[in-house]
Amino acid sequence: MGDVMRSAILSAAFLVAVVPCQAAWITFQNDTKGTIIIQEMVTVKGKVTLGKPVKLQPGETFREFQPGPLTKKIQVSEPGKTANKVLCEDEVAVKDKDVTFSIATVKDKVKVLPVEPKKK
């Protein structure tokens, strides 16, 4: 029994080591001076639907798990009492590694910018 169990464990370890991981974490950080709302935009049968709103104060981050590579369209808006003012809409690509995007004001326009990973 010991040899069979050892063989099964080694086979499982080999598969984990050989099969590449396609999942990643995507992080959005609010580098503006004001509160923002980010939402995913999904198009179904030609109709755009907004996902769950996430409110971020200045300096806050939001992180979510992505099970595989994808391109995600997001909307950044400013919270308001009646309607949210759209600040920008952009597409972000997630591949097979963790990625961070900064939502920042550049020349009086809000932009979604990739953050370069820190070198070790």
PDB file of N, CA and C in Angstrom:
ATOM      1  N   MET A   1       0.817  -1.193   0.000  1.00  0.00           N
ATOM      2  CA  MET A   1       0.000   0.000   0.000  1.00  0.00           C
ATOM      3  C   MET A   1       0.861   1.257   0.000  1.00  0.00           C
ATOM      4  N   GLY A   2       1.995   1.212   0.698  1.00  0.00           N
ATOM      5  CA  GLY A   2       2.864   2.375   0.809  1.00  0.00           C
ATOM      6  C   GLY A   2       3.390   2.825  -0.543  1.00  0.00           C
ATOM      7  N   ASP A   3       3.772   1.876  -1.414  1.00  0.00           N
ATOM      8  CA  ASP A   3       4.295   2.222  -2.731  1.00  0.00           C
ATOM      9  C   ASP A   3       3.217   2.837  -3.615  1.00  0.00           C
ATOM     10  N   VAL A   4       2.003   2.321  -3.529  1.00  0.00           N
ATOM     11  CA  VAL A   4       0.894   2.860  -4.328  1.00  0.00           C
ATOM     12  C   VAL A   4       0.597   4.303  -3.911  1.00  0.00           C
ATOM     13  N   MET A   5       0.555   4.539  -2.599  1.00  0.00           N
ATOM     14  CA  MET A   5       0.276   5.881  -2.084  1.00  0.00           C
ATOM     15  C   MET A   5       1.386   6.852  -2.483  1.00  0.00           C
ATOM     16  N   ARG A   6       2.626   6.420  -2.360  1.00  0.00           N
ATOM     17  CA  ARG A   6       3.764   7.260  -2.716  1.00  0.00           C
ATOM     18  C   ARG A   6       3.720   7.607  -4.201  1.00  0.00           C
ATOM     19  N   SER A   7       3.375   6.637  -5.039  1.00  0.00           N
ATOM     20  CA  SER A   7       3.279   6.850  -6.481  1.00  0.00           C
ATOM     21  C   SER A   7       2.173   7.855  -6.803  1.00  0.00           C
ATOM     22  N   ALA A   8       1.045   7.737  -6.120  1.00  0.00           N
ATOM     23  CA  ALA A   8      -0.072   8.669  -6.353  1.00  0.00           C
ATOM     24  C   ALA A   8       0.305  10.086  -5.954  1.00  0.00           C
ATOM     25  N   ILE A   9       0.994  10.227  -4.831  1.00  0.00           N
ATOM     26  CA  ILE A   9       1.408  11.558  -4.363  1.00  0.00           C
ATOM     27  C   ILE A   9       2.419  12.174  -5.323  1.00  0.00           C
ATOM     28  N   LEU A  10       3.374  11.393  -5.781  1.00  0.00           N
ATOM     29  CA  LEU A  10       4.368  11.898  -6.727  1.00  0.00           C
ATOM     30  C   LEU A  10       3.720  12.289  -8.056  1.00  0.00           C
ATOM     31  N   SER A  11       2.748  11.512  -8.507  1.00  0.00           N
ATOM     32  CA  SER A  11       2.046  11.830  -9.756  1.00  0.00           C
ATOM     33  C   SER A  11       1.279  13.137  -9.622  1.00  0.00           C
ATOM     34  N   ALA A  12       0.613  13.322  -8.505  1.00  0.00           N
ATOM     35  CA  ALA A  12      -0.140  14.558  -8.266  1.00  0.00           C
ATOM     36  C   ALA A  12       0.800  15.751  -8.190  1.00  0.00           C
ATOM     37  N   ALA A  13       1.923  15.606  -7.528  1.00  0.00           N
ATOM     38  CA  ALA A  13       2.899  16.691  -7.416  1.00  0.00           C
ATOM     39  C   ALA A  13       3.460  17.047  -8.791  1.00  0.00           C
ATOM     40  N   PHE A  14       3.686  16.032  -9.624  1.00  0.00           N
ATOM     41  CA  PHE A  14       4.195  16.272 -10.971  1.00  0.00           C
ATOM     42  C   PHE A  14       3.178  17.069 -11.790  1.00  0.00           C
ATOM     43  N   LEU A  15       1.912  16.684 -11.708  1.00  0.00           N
ATOM     44  CA  LEU A  15       0.870  17.403 -12.450  1.00  0.00           C
ATOM     45  C   LEU A  15       0.761  18.854 -12.006  1.00  0.00           C
ATOM     46  N   VAL A  16       0.837  19.108 -10.722  1.00  0.00           N
ATOM     47  CA  VAL A  16       0.772  20.482 -10.214  1.00  0.00           C
ATOM     48  C   VAL A  16       1.955  21.290 -10.714  1.00  0.00           C
ATOM     49  N   ALA A  17       3.128  20.674 -10.767  1.00  0.00           N
ATOM     50  CA  ALA A  17       4.327  21.379 -11.204  1.00  0.00           C
ATOM     51  C   ALA A  17       4.332  21.637 -12.705  1.00  0.00           C
ATOM     52  N   VAL A  18       3.713  20.750 -13.487  1.00  0.00           N
ATOM     53  CA  VAL A  18       3.761  20.854 -14.945  1.00  0.00           C
ATOM     54  C   VAL A  18       2.624  21.708 -15.505  1.00  0.00           C
ATOM     55  N   VAL A  19       1.431  21.613 -14.951  1.00  0.00           N
ATOM     56  CA  VAL A  19       0.286  22.340 -15.482  1.00  0.00           C
ATOM     57  C   VAL A  19       0.382  23.808 -15.070  1.00  0.00           C
ATOM     58  N   PRO A  20       0.464  24.742 -16.048  1.00  0.00           N
ATOM     59  CA  PRO A  20       0.608  26.149 -15.701  1.00  0.00           C
ATOM     60  C   PRO A  20      -0.682  26.711 -15.096  1.00  0.00           C
ATOM     61  N   CYS A  21      -0.501  27.618 -14.168  1.00  0.00           N
ATOM     62  CA  CYS A  21      -1.634  28.264 -13.500  1.00  0.00           C
ATOM     63  C   CYS A  21      -2.070  29.467 -14.327  1.00  0.00           C
ATOM     64  N   GLN A  22      -3.339  29.537 -14.656  1.00  0.00           N
ATOM     65  CA  GLN A  22      -3.863  30.627 -15.462  1.00  0.00           C
ATOM     66  C   GLN A  22      -4.581  31.686 -14.632  1.00  0.00           C
ATOM     67  N   ALA A  23      -4.704  31.488 -13.348  1.00  0.00           N
ATOM     68  CA  ALA A  23      -5.446  32.395 -12.495  1.00  0.00           C
ATOM     69  C   ALA A  23      -4.561  33.549 -12.030  1.00  0.00           C
ATOM     70  N   ALA A  24      -5.207  34.657 -11.663  1.00  0.00           N
ATOM     71  CA  ALA A  24      -4.462  35.824 -11.194  1.00  0.00           C
ATOM     72  C   ALA A  24      -5.368  36.713 -10.343  1.00  0.00           C
ATOM     73  N   TRP A  25      -4.748  37.577  -9.579  1.00  0.00           N
ATOM     74  CA  TRP A  25      -5.461  38.593  -8.813  1.00  0.00           C
ATOM     75  C   TRP A  25      -5.349  39.911  -9.563  1.00  0.00           C
ATOM     76  N   ILE A  26      -6.428  40.671  -9.591  1.00  0.00           N
ATOM     77  CA  ILE A  26      -6.435  42.002 -10.185  1.00  0.00           C
ATOM     78  C   ILE A  26      -6.749  42.992  -9.069  1.00  0.00           C
ATOM     79  N   THR A  27      -5.933  44.041  -8.978  1.00  0.00           N
ATOM     80  CA  THR A  27      -6.082  45.039  -7.926  1.00  0.00           C
ATOM     81  C   THR A  27      -6.254  46.416  -8.554  1.00  0.00           C
ATOM     82  N   PHE A  28      -7.212  47.173  -8.037  1.00  0.00           N
ATOM     83  CA  PHE A  28      -7.420  48.565  -8.431  1.00  0.00           C
ATOM     84  C   PHE A  28      -7.122  49.433  -7.214  1.00  0.00           C
ATOM     85  N   GLN A  29      -6.322  50.467  -7.400  1.00  0.00           N
ATOM     86  CA  GLN A  29      -6.036  51.375  -6.291  1.00  0.00           C
ATOM     87  C   GLN A  29      -6.442  52.794  -6.679  1.00  0.00           C
ATOM     88  N   ASN A  30      -7.106  53.470  -5.744  1.00  0.00           N
ATOM     89  CA  ASN A  30      -7.580  54.832  -5.969  1.00  0.00           C
ATOM     90  C   ASN A  30      -6.458  55.806  -5.632  1.00  0.00           C
ATOM     91  N   ASP A  31      -5.832  56.347  -6.662  1.00  0.00           N
ATOM     92  CA  ASP A  31      -4.775  57.328  -6.476  1.00  0.00           C
ATOM     93  C   ASP A  31      -5.261  58.741  -6.822  1.00  0.00           C
ATOM     94  N   THR A  32      -6.582  58.925  -6.822  1.00  0.00           N
ATOM     95  CA  THR A  32      -7.137  60.265  -7.014  1.00  0.00           C
ATOM     96  C   THR A  32      -7.291  60.927  -5.648  1.00  0.00           C
ATOM     97  N   LYS A  33      -7.724  62.176  -5.639  1.00  0.00           N
ATOM     98  CA  LYS A  33      -7.926  62.889  -4.370  1.00  0.00           C
ATOM     99  C   LYS A  33      -9.359  62.779  -3.871  1.00  0.00           C
ATOM    100  N   GLY A  34     -10.214  62.092  -4.625  1.00  0.00           N
ATOM    101  CA  GLY A  34     -11.614  61.989  -4.228  1.00  0.00           C
ATOM    102  C   GLY A  34     -12.114  60.561  -4.203  1.00  0.00           C
ATOM    103  N   THR A  35     -13.337  60.395  -3.715  1.00  0.00           N
ATOM    104  CA  THR A  35     -13.986  59.093  -3.683  1.00  0.00           C
ATOM    105  C   THR A  35     -14.426  58.726  -5.095  1.00  0.00           C
ATOM    106  N   ILE A  36     -14.243  57.463  -5.468  1.00  0.00           N
ATOM    107  CA  ILE A  36     -14.668  56.984  -6.787  1.00  0.00           C
ATOM    108  C   ILE A  36     -15.474  55.699  -6.634  1.00  0.00           C
ATOM    109  N   ILE A  37     -16.192  55.368  -7.692  1.00  0.00           N
ATOM    110  CA  ILE A  37     -16.913  54.099  -7.777  1.00  0.00           C
ATOM    111  C   ILE A  37     -16.409  53.393  -9.028  1.00  0.00           C
ATOM    112  N   ILE A  38     -16.017  52.114  -8.874  1.00  0.00           N
ATOM    113  CA  ILE A  38     -15.637  51.335 -10.054  1.00  0.00           C
ATOM    114  C   ILE A  38     -16.659  50.220 -10.242  1.00  0.00           C
ATOM    115  N   GLN A  39     -16.968  49.964 -11.521  1.00  0.00           N
ATOM    116  CA  GLN A  39     -17.921  48.917 -11.875  1.00  0.00           C
ATOM    117  C   GLN A  39     -17.474  48.240 -13.149  1.00  0.00           C
ATOM    118  N   GLU A  40     -17.683  46.922 -13.197  1.00  0.00           N
ATOM    119  CA  GLU A  40     -17.416  46.176 -14.421  1.00  0.00           C
ATOM    120  C   GLU A  40     -18.565  46.417 -15.383  1.00  0.00           C
ATOM    121  N   MET A  41     -18.253  46.543 -16.667  1.00  0.00           N
ATOM    122  CA  MET A  41     -19.266  46.719 -17.709  1.00  0.00           C
ATOM    123  C   MET A  41     -19.345  45.432 -18.525  1.00  0.00           C
ATOM    124  N   VAL A  42     -20.529  44.832 -18.572  1.00  0.00           N
ATOM    125  CA  VAL A  42     -20.730  43.589 -19.307  1.00  0.00           C
ATOM    126  C   VAL A  42     -21.758  43.836 -20.402  1.00  0.00           C
ATOM    127  N   THR A  43     -21.449  43.384 -21.618  1.00  0.00           N
ATOM    128  CA  THR A  43     -22.381  43.525 -22.725  1.00  0.00           C
ATOM    129  C   THR A  43     -23.008  42.167 -23.022  1.00  0.00           C
ATOM    130  N   VAL A  44     -24.343  42.116 -22.933  1.00  0.00           N
ATOM    131  CA  VAL A  44     -25.095  40.903 -23.221  1.00  0.00           C
ATOM    132  C   VAL A  44     -26.166  41.251 -24.242  1.00  0.00           C
ATOM    133  N   LYS A  45     -26.123  40.585 -25.408  1.00  0.00           N
ATOM    134  CA  LYS A  45     -27.076  40.824 -26.497  1.00  0.00           C
ATOM    135  C   LYS A  45     -27.150  42.308 -26.861  1.00  0.00           C
ATOM    136  N   GLY A  46     -25.979  42.948 -26.894  1.00  0.00           N
ATOM    137  CA  GLY A  46     -25.903  44.349 -27.298  1.00  0.00           C
ATOM    138  C   GLY A  46     -26.256  45.360 -26.217  1.00  0.00           C
ATOM    139  N   LYS A  47     -26.627  44.895 -25.038  1.00  0.00           N
ATOM    140  CA  LYS A  47     -27.000  45.806 -23.960  1.00  0.00           C
ATOM    141  C   LYS A  47     -25.907  45.811 -22.890  1.00  0.00           C
ATOM    142  N   VAL A  48     -25.444  47.017 -22.520  1.00  0.00           N
ATOM    143  CA  VAL A  48     -24.410  47.155 -21.504  1.00  0.00           C
ATOM    144  C   VAL A  48     -25.061  47.147 -20.121  1.00  0.00           C
ATOM    145  N   THR A  49     -24.546  46.286 -19.255  1.00  0.00           N
ATOM    146  CA  THR A  49     -25.018  46.189 -17.879  1.00  0.00           C
ATOM    147  C   THR A  49     -23.844  46.452 -16.953  1.00  0.00           C
ATOM    148  N   LEU A  50     -24.070  47.240 -15.915  1.00  0.00           N
ATOM    149  CA  LEU A  50     -23.023  47.524 -14.943  1.00  0.00           C
ATOM    150  C   LEU A  50     -23.074  46.506 -13.814  1.00  0.00           C
ATOM    151  N   GLY A  51     -21.895  46.082 -13.375  1.00  0.00           N
ATOM    152  CA  GLY A  51     -21.794  45.133 -12.270  1.00  0.00           C
ATOM    153  C   GLY A  51     -21.926  45.827 -10.930  1.00  0.00           C
ATOM    154  N   LYS A  52     -21.607  45.107  -9.889  1.00  0.00           N
ATOM    155  CA  LYS A  52     -21.713  45.613  -8.525  1.00  0.00           C
ATOM    156  C   LYS A  52     -20.777  46.814  -8.336  1.00  0.00           C
ATOM    157  N   PRO A  53     -21.304  47.936  -7.826  1.00  0.00           N
ATOM    158  CA  PRO A  53     -20.438  49.096  -7.597  1.00  0.00           C
ATOM    159  C   PRO A  53     -19.533  48.895  -6.382  1.00  0.00           C
ATOM    160  N   VAL A  54     -18.286  49.331  -6.531  1.00  0.00           N
ATOM    161  CA  VAL A  54     -17.320  49.280  -5.434  1.00  0.00           C
ATOM    162  C   VAL A  54     -16.834  50.706  -5.196  1.00  0.00           C
ATOM    163  N   LYS A  55     -17.107  51.226  -3.997  1.00  0.00           N
ATOM    164  CA  LYS A  55     -16.709  52.588  -3.650  1.00  0.00           C
ATOM    165  C   LYS A  55     -15.325  52.551  -3.012  1.00  0.00           C
ATOM    166  N   LEU A  56     -14.423  53.395  -3.532  1.00  0.00           N
ATOM    167  CA  LEU A  56     -13.060  53.478  -2.995  1.00  0.00           C
ATOM    168  C   LEU A  56     -12.760  54.907  -2.563  1.00  0.00           C
ATOM    169  N   GLN A  57     -12.341  55.048  -1.330  1.00  0.00           N
ATOM    170  CA  GLN A  57     -11.860  56.334  -0.826  1.00  0.00           C
ATOM    171  C   GLN A  57     -10.441  56.536  -1.350  1.00  0.00           C
ATOM    172  N   PRO A  58      -9.921  57.777  -1.310  1.00  0.00           N
ATOM    173  CA  PRO A  58      -8.536  57.997  -1.744  1.00  0.00           C
ATOM    174  C   PRO A  58      -7.567  57.082  -0.992  1.00  0.00           C
ATOM    175  N   GLY A  59      -6.693  56.406  -1.731  1.00  0.00           N
ATOM    176  CA  GLY A  59      -5.699  55.517  -1.142  1.00  0.00           C
ATOM    177  C   GLY A  59      -6.166  54.085  -0.945  1.00  0.00           C
ATOM    178  N   GLU A  60      -7.451  53.809  -1.050  1.00  0.00           N
ATOM    179  CA  GLU A  60      -7.962  52.454  -0.856  1.00  0.00           C
ATOM    180  C   GLU A  60      -7.750  51.599  -2.099  1.00  0.00           C
ATOM    181  N   THR A  61      -7.751  50.276  -1.887  1.00  0.00           N
ATOM    182  CA  THR A  61      -7.625  49.330  -2.996  1.00  0.00           C
ATOM    183  C   THR A  61      -8.767  48.322  -2.963  1.00  0.00           C
ATOM    184  N   PHE A  62      -9.015  47.740  -4.124  1.00  0.00           N
ATOM    185  CA  PHE A  62      -9.998  46.665  -4.273  1.00  0.00           C
ATOM    186  C   PHE A  62      -9.307  45.552  -5.038  1.00  0.00           C
ATOM    187  N   ARG A  63      -9.435  44.334  -4.530  1.00  0.00           N
ATOM    188  CA  ARG A  63      -8.748  43.192  -5.134  1.00  0.00           C
ATOM    189  C   ARG A  63      -9.749  42.080  -5.379  1.00  0.00           C
ATOM    190  N   GLU A  64      -9.668  41.456  -6.576  1.00  0.00           N
ATOM    191  CA  GLU A  64     -10.539  40.325  -6.864  1.00  0.00           C
ATOM    192  C   GLU A  64      -9.781  39.258  -7.639  1.00  0.00           C
ATOM    193  N   PHE A  65     -10.240  38.031  -7.476  1.00  0.00           N
ATOM    194  CA  PHE A  65      -9.620  36.873  -8.114  1.00  0.00           C
ATOM    195  C   PHE A  65     -10.203  36.671  -9.499  1.00  0.00           C
ATOM    196  N   GLN A  66      -9.335  36.424 -10.469  1.00  0.00           N
ATOM    197  CA  GLN A  66      -9.752  36.117 -11.838  1.00  0.00           C
ATOM    198  C   GLN A  66      -9.296  34.696 -12.149  1.00  0.00           C
ATOM    199  N   PRO A  67     -10.228  33.783 -12.434  1.00  0.00           N
ATOM    200  CA  PRO A  67      -9.857  32.382 -12.647  1.00  0.00           C
ATOM    201  C   PRO A  67      -9.106  32.110 -13.944  1.00  0.00           C
ATOM    202  N   GLY A  68      -9.103  33.040 -14.868  1.00  0.00           N
ATOM    203  CA  GLY A  68      -8.404  32.815 -16.126  1.00  0.00           C
ATOM    204  C   GLY A  68      -8.148  34.128 -16.841  1.00  0.00           C
ATOM    205  N   PRO A  69      -7.400  34.090 -17.940  1.00  0.00           N
ATOM    206  CA  PRO A  69      -7.100  35.304 -18.686  1.00  0.00           C
ATOM    207  C   PRO A  69      -8.373  35.930 -19.255  1.00  0.00           C
ATOM    208  N   LEU A  70      -8.436  37.246 -19.222  1.00  0.00           N
ATOM    209  CA  LEU A  70      -9.587  37.942 -19.772  1.00  0.00           C
ATOM    210  C   LEU A  70      -9.280  39.414 -19.953  1.00  0.00           C
ATOM    211  N   THR A  71     -10.138  40.083 -20.710  1.00  0.00           N
ATOM    212  CA  THR A  71     -10.110  41.534 -20.816  1.00  0.00           C
ATOM    213  C   THR A  71     -11.406  42.023 -20.209  1.00  0.00           C
ATOM    214  N   LYS A  72     -11.289  42.940 -19.287  1.00  0.00           N
ATOM    215  CA  LYS A  72     -12.438  43.428 -18.529  1.00  0.00           C
ATOM    216  C   LYS A  72     -12.622  44.908 -18.823  1.00  0.00           C
ATOM    217  N   LYS A  73     -13.865  45.301 -19.083  1.00  0.00           N
ATOM    218  CA  LYS A  73     -14.165  46.711 -19.299  1.00  0.00           C
ATOM    219  C   LYS A  73     -14.713  47.274 -17.996  1.00  0.00           C
ATOM    220  N   ILE A  74     -14.119  48.378 -17.535  1.00  0.00           N
ATOM    221  CA  ILE A  74     -14.566  48.978 -16.289  1.00  0.00           C
ATOM    222  C   ILE A  74     -14.969  50.431 -16.497  1.00  0.00           C
ATOM    223  N   GLN A  75     -15.828  50.879 -15.604  1.00  0.00           N
ATOM    224  CA  GLN A  75     -16.266  52.269 -15.598  1.00  0.00           C
ATOM    225  C   GLN A  75     -15.881  52.867 -14.245  1.00  0.00           C
ATOM    226  N   VAL A  76     -15.297  54.043 -14.280  1.00  0.00           N
ATOM    227  CA  VAL A  76     -14.954  54.774 -13.061  1.00  0.00           C
ATOM    228  C   VAL A  76     -15.852  55.994 -13.018  1.00  0.00           C
ATOM    229  N   SER A  77     -16.540  56.161 -11.897  1.00  0.00           N
ATOM    230  CA  SER A  77     -17.451  57.303 -11.774  1.00  0.00           C
ATOM    231  C   SER A  77     -17.280  57.979 -10.427  1.00  0.00           C
ATOM    232  N   GLU A  78     -17.839  59.168 -10.360  1.00  0.00           N
ATOM    233  CA  GLU A  78     -17.815  59.962  -9.138  1.00  0.00           C
ATOM    234  C   GLU A  78     -19.173  59.808  -8.477  1.00  0.00           C
ATOM    235  N   PRO A  79     -19.217  59.490  -7.190  1.00  0.00           N
ATOM    236  CA  PRO A  79     -20.526  59.292  -6.555  1.00  0.00           C
ATOM    237  C   PRO A  79     -21.324  60.592  -6.498  1.00  0.00           C
ATOM    238  N   GLY A  80     -22.623  60.447  -6.682  1.00  0.00           N
ATOM    239  CA  GLY A  80     -23.516  61.601  -6.615  1.00  0.00           C
ATOM    240  C   GLY A  80     -24.865  61.192  -6.070  1.00  0.00           C
ATOM    241  N   LYS A  81     -25.675  62.181  -5.709  1.00  0.00           N
ATOM    242  CA  LYS A  81     -26.980  61.869  -5.117  1.00  0.00           C
ATOM    243  C   LYS A  81     -27.957  61.303  -6.148  1.00  0.00           C
ATOM    244  N   THR A  82     -28.004  61.861  -7.337  1.00  0.00           N
ATOM    245  CA  THR A  82     -28.971  61.379  -8.327  1.00  0.00           C
ATOM    246  C   THR A  82     -28.339  60.423  -9.332  1.00  0.00           C
ATOM    247  N   ALA A  83     -27.269  60.841  -9.954  1.00  0.00           N
ATOM    248  CA  ALA A  83     -26.599  59.980 -10.939  1.00  0.00           C
ATOM    249  C   ALA A  83     -25.101  60.133 -10.778  1.00  0.00           C
ATOM    250  N   ASN A  84     -24.392  59.059 -10.998  1.00  0.00           N
ATOM    251  CA  ASN A  84     -22.942  59.111 -10.895  1.00  0.00           C
ATOM    252  C   ASN A  84     -22.356  59.716 -12.162  1.00  0.00           C
ATOM    253  N   LYS A  85     -21.444  60.658 -11.988  1.00  0.00           N
ATOM    254  CA  LYS A  85     -20.766  61.280 -13.124  1.00  0.00           C
ATOM    255  C   LYS A  85     -19.653  60.340 -13.585  1.00  0.00           C
ATOM    256  N   VAL A  86     -19.706  59.903 -14.841  1.00  0.00           N
ATOM    257  CA  VAL A  86     -18.691  58.988 -15.387  1.00  0.00           C
ATOM    258  C   VAL A  86     -17.401  59.767 -15.608  1.00  0.00           C
ATOM    259  N   LEU A  87     -16.325  59.273 -15.000  1.00  0.00           N
ATOM    260  CA  LEU A  87     -15.013  59.907 -15.131  1.00  0.00           C
ATOM    261  C   LEU A  87     -14.200  59.278 -16.250  1.00  0.00           C
ATOM    262  N   CYS A  88     -14.320  57.953 -16.413  1.00  0.00           N
ATOM    263  CA  CYS A  88     -13.643  57.272 -17.520  1.00  0.00           C
ATOM    264  C   CYS A  88     -14.167  55.853 -17.668  1.00  0.00           C
ATOM    265  N   GLU A  89     -13.950  55.299 -18.846  1.00  0.00           N
ATOM    266  CA  GLU A  89     -14.232  53.892 -19.138  1.00  0.00           C
ATOM    267  C   GLU A  89     -12.986  53.350 -19.814  1.00  0.00           C
ATOM    268  N   ASP A  90     -12.581  52.149 -19.420  1.00  0.00           N
ATOM    269  CA  ASP A  90     -11.344  51.601 -19.970  1.00  0.00           C
ATOM    270  C   ASP A  90     -11.388  50.077 -19.945  1.00  0.00           C
ATOM    271  N   GLU A  91     -10.519  49.449 -20.732  1.00  0.00           N
ATOM    272  CA  GLU A  91     -10.378  47.999 -20.727  1.00  0.00           C
ATOM    273  C   GLU A  91      -9.057  47.648 -20.064  1.00  0.00           C
ATOM    274  N   VAL A  92      -9.103  46.629 -19.229  1.00  0.00           N
ATOM    275  CA  VAL A  92      -7.888  46.150 -18.571  1.00  0.00           C
ATOM    276  C   VAL A  92      -7.727  44.670 -18.892  1.00  0.00           C
ATOM    277  N   ALA A  93      -6.499  44.267 -19.160  1.00  0.00           N
ATOM    278  CA  ALA A  93      -6.218  42.873 -19.515  1.00  0.00           C
ATOM    279  C   ALA A  93      -5.574  42.161 -18.343  1.00  0.00           C
ATOM    280  N   VAL A  94      -6.070  40.962 -18.061  1.00  0.00           N
ATOM    281  CA  VAL A  94      -5.508  40.107 -17.021  1.00  0.00           C
ATOM    282  C   VAL A  94      -5.045  38.835 -17.707  1.00  0.00           C
ATOM    283  N   LYS A  95      -3.778  38.494 -17.514  1.00  0.00           N
ATOM    284  CA  LYS A  95      -3.254  37.287 -18.149  1.00  0.00           C
ATOM    285  C   LYS A  95      -3.025  36.224 -17.095  1.00  0.00           C
ATOM    286  N   ASP A  96      -1.820  35.755 -16.953  1.00  0.00           N
ATOM    287  CA  ASP A  96      -1.551  34.657 -16.026  1.00  0.00           C
ATOM    288  C   ASP A  96      -0.744  35.074 -14.800  1.00  0.00           C
ATOM    289  N   LYS A  97      -0.699  36.384 -14.521  1.00  0.00           N
ATOM    290  CA  LYS A  97      -0.003  36.844 -13.324  1.00  0.00           C
ATOM    291  C   LYS A  97      -0.782  37.984 -12.687  1.00  0.00           C
ATOM    292  N   ASP A  98      -0.535  38.202 -11.407  1.00  0.00           N
ATOM    293  CA  ASP A  98      -1.215  39.258 -10.676  1.00  0.00           C
ATOM    294  C   ASP A  98      -0.893  40.610 -11.305  1.00  0.00           C
ATOM    295  N   VAL A  99      -1.897  41.498 -11.305  1.00  0.00           N
ATOM    296  CA  VAL A  99      -1.721  42.801 -11.924  1.00  0.00           C
ATOM    297  C   VAL A  99      -2.426  43.866 -11.077  1.00  0.00           C
ATOM    298  N   THR A 100      -1.816  45.058 -11.034  1.00  0.00           N
ATOM    299  CA  THR A 100      -2.381  46.182 -10.295  1.00  0.00           C
ATOM    300  C   THR A 100      -2.576  47.353 -11.247  1.00  0.00           C
ATOM    301  N   PHE A 101      -3.731  48.026 -11.102  1.00  0.00           N
ATOM    302  CA  PHE A 101      -4.025  49.209 -11.894  1.00  0.00           C
ATOM    303  C   PHE A 101      -4.251  50.390 -10.965  1.00  0.00           C
ATOM    304  N   SER A 102      -3.643  51.511 -11.304  1.00  0.00           N
ATOM    305  CA  SER A 102      -3.823  52.751 -10.558  1.00  0.00           C
ATOM    306  C   SER A 102      -4.882  53.582 -11.267  1.00  0.00           C
ATOM    307  N   ILE A 103      -5.856  54.049 -10.503  1.00  0.00           N
ATOM    308  CA  ILE A 103      -6.838  54.986 -11.040  1.00  0.00           C
ATOM    309  C   ILE A 103      -6.378  56.349 -10.562  1.00  0.00           C
ATOM    310  N   ALA A 104      -5.877  57.159 -11.507  1.00  0.00           N
ATOM    311  CA  ALA A 104      -5.221  58.413 -11.148  1.00  0.00           C
ATOM    312  C   ALA A 104      -5.672  59.549 -12.060  1.00  0.00           C
ATOM    313  N   THR A 105      -5.464  60.758 -11.581  1.00  0.00           N
ATOM    314  CA  THR A 105      -5.757  61.946 -12.378  1.00  0.00           C
ATOM    315  C   THR A 105      -4.477  62.370 -13.079  1.00  0.00           C
ATOM    316  N   VAL A 106      -4.541  62.427 -14.426  1.00  0.00           N
ATOM    317  CA  VAL A 106      -3.406  62.846 -15.242  1.00  0.00           C
ATOM    318  C   VAL A 106      -3.887  63.980 -16.140  1.00  0.00           C
ATOM    319  N   LYS A 107      -3.323  65.159 -15.959  1.00  0.00           N
ATOM    320  CA  LYS A 107      -3.710  66.347 -16.728  1.00  0.00           C
ATOM    321  C   LYS A 107      -5.218  66.562 -16.684  1.00  0.00           C
ATOM    322  N   ASP A 108      -5.770  66.565 -15.484  1.00  0.00           N
ATOM    323  CA  ASP A 108      -7.196  66.819 -15.222  1.00  0.00           C
ATOM    324  C   ASP A 108      -8.145  65.766 -15.790  1.00  0.00           C
ATOM    325  N   LYS A 109      -7.620  64.586 -16.168  1.00  0.00           N
ATOM    326  CA  LYS A 109      -8.460  63.487 -16.642  1.00  0.00           C
ATOM    327  C   LYS A 109      -8.157  62.242 -15.822  1.00  0.00           C
ATOM    328  N   VAL A 110      -9.202  61.502 -15.472  1.00  0.00           N
ATOM    329  CA  VAL A 110      -9.014  60.261 -14.721  1.00  0.00           C
ATOM    330  C   VAL A 110      -8.658  59.159 -15.704  1.00  0.00           C
ATOM    331  N   LYS A 111      -7.620  58.397 -15.367  1.00  0.00           N
ATOM    332  CA  LYS A 111      -7.145  57.316 -16.230  1.00  0.00           C
ATOM    333  C   LYS A 111      -6.893  56.070 -15.398  1.00  0.00           C
ATOM    334  N   VAL A 112      -6.979  54.921 -16.066  1.00  0.00           N
ATOM    335  CA  VAL A 112      -6.650  53.636 -15.454  1.00  0.00           C
ATOM    336  C   VAL A 112      -5.294  53.224 -16.025  1.00  0.00           C
ATOM    337  N   LEU A 113      -4.290  53.160 -15.150  1.00  0.00           N
ATOM    338  CA  LEU A 113      -2.925  52.912 -15.590  1.00  0.00           C
ATOM    339  C   LEU A 113      -2.349  51.664 -14.931  1.00  0.00           C
ATOM    340  N   PRO A 114      -1.648  50.821 -15.704  1.00  0.00           N
ATOM    341  CA  PRO A 114      -1.016  49.645 -15.078  1.00  0.00           C
ATOM    342  C   PRO A 114       0.128  50.084 -14.179  1.00  0.00           C
ATOM    343  N   VAL A 115       0.293  49.398 -13.058  1.00  0.00           N
ATOM    344  CA  VAL A 115       1.382  49.668 -12.130  1.00  0.00           C
ATOM    345  C   VAL A 115       2.442  48.609 -12.363  1.00  0.00           C
ATOM    346  N   GLU A 116       3.662  49.059 -12.596  1.00  0.00           N
ATOM    347  CA  GLU A 116       4.773  48.132 -12.812  1.00  0.00           C
ATOM    348  C   GLU A 116       5.107  47.444 -11.504  1.00  0.00           C
ATOM    349  N   PRO A 117       5.307  46.123 -11.528  1.00  0.00           N
ATOM    350  CA  PRO A 117       5.678  45.418 -10.288  1.00  0.00           C
ATOM    351  C   PRO A 117       7.028  45.902  -9.787  1.00  0.00           C
ATOM    352  N   LYS A 118       7.172  45.928  -8.468  1.00  0.00           N
ATOM    353  CA  LYS A 118       8.440  46.351  -7.869  1.00  0.00           C
ATOM    354  C   LYS A 118       9.496  45.278  -8.087  1.00  0.00           C
ATOM    355  N   LYS A 119      10.682  45.717  -8.466  1.00  0.00           N
ATOM    356  CA  LYS A 119      11.782  44.769  -8.674  1.00  0.00           C
ATOM    357  C   LYS A 119      12.384  44.403  -7.338  1.00  0.00           C
ATOM    358  N   LYS A 120      12.696  43.143  -7.190  1.00  0.00           N
ATOM    359  CA  LYS A 120      13.255  42.647  -5.919  1.00  0.00           C
ATOM    360  C   LYS A 120      14.740  42.764  -5.888  1.00  0.00           C
TER     361      LYS A 120
END
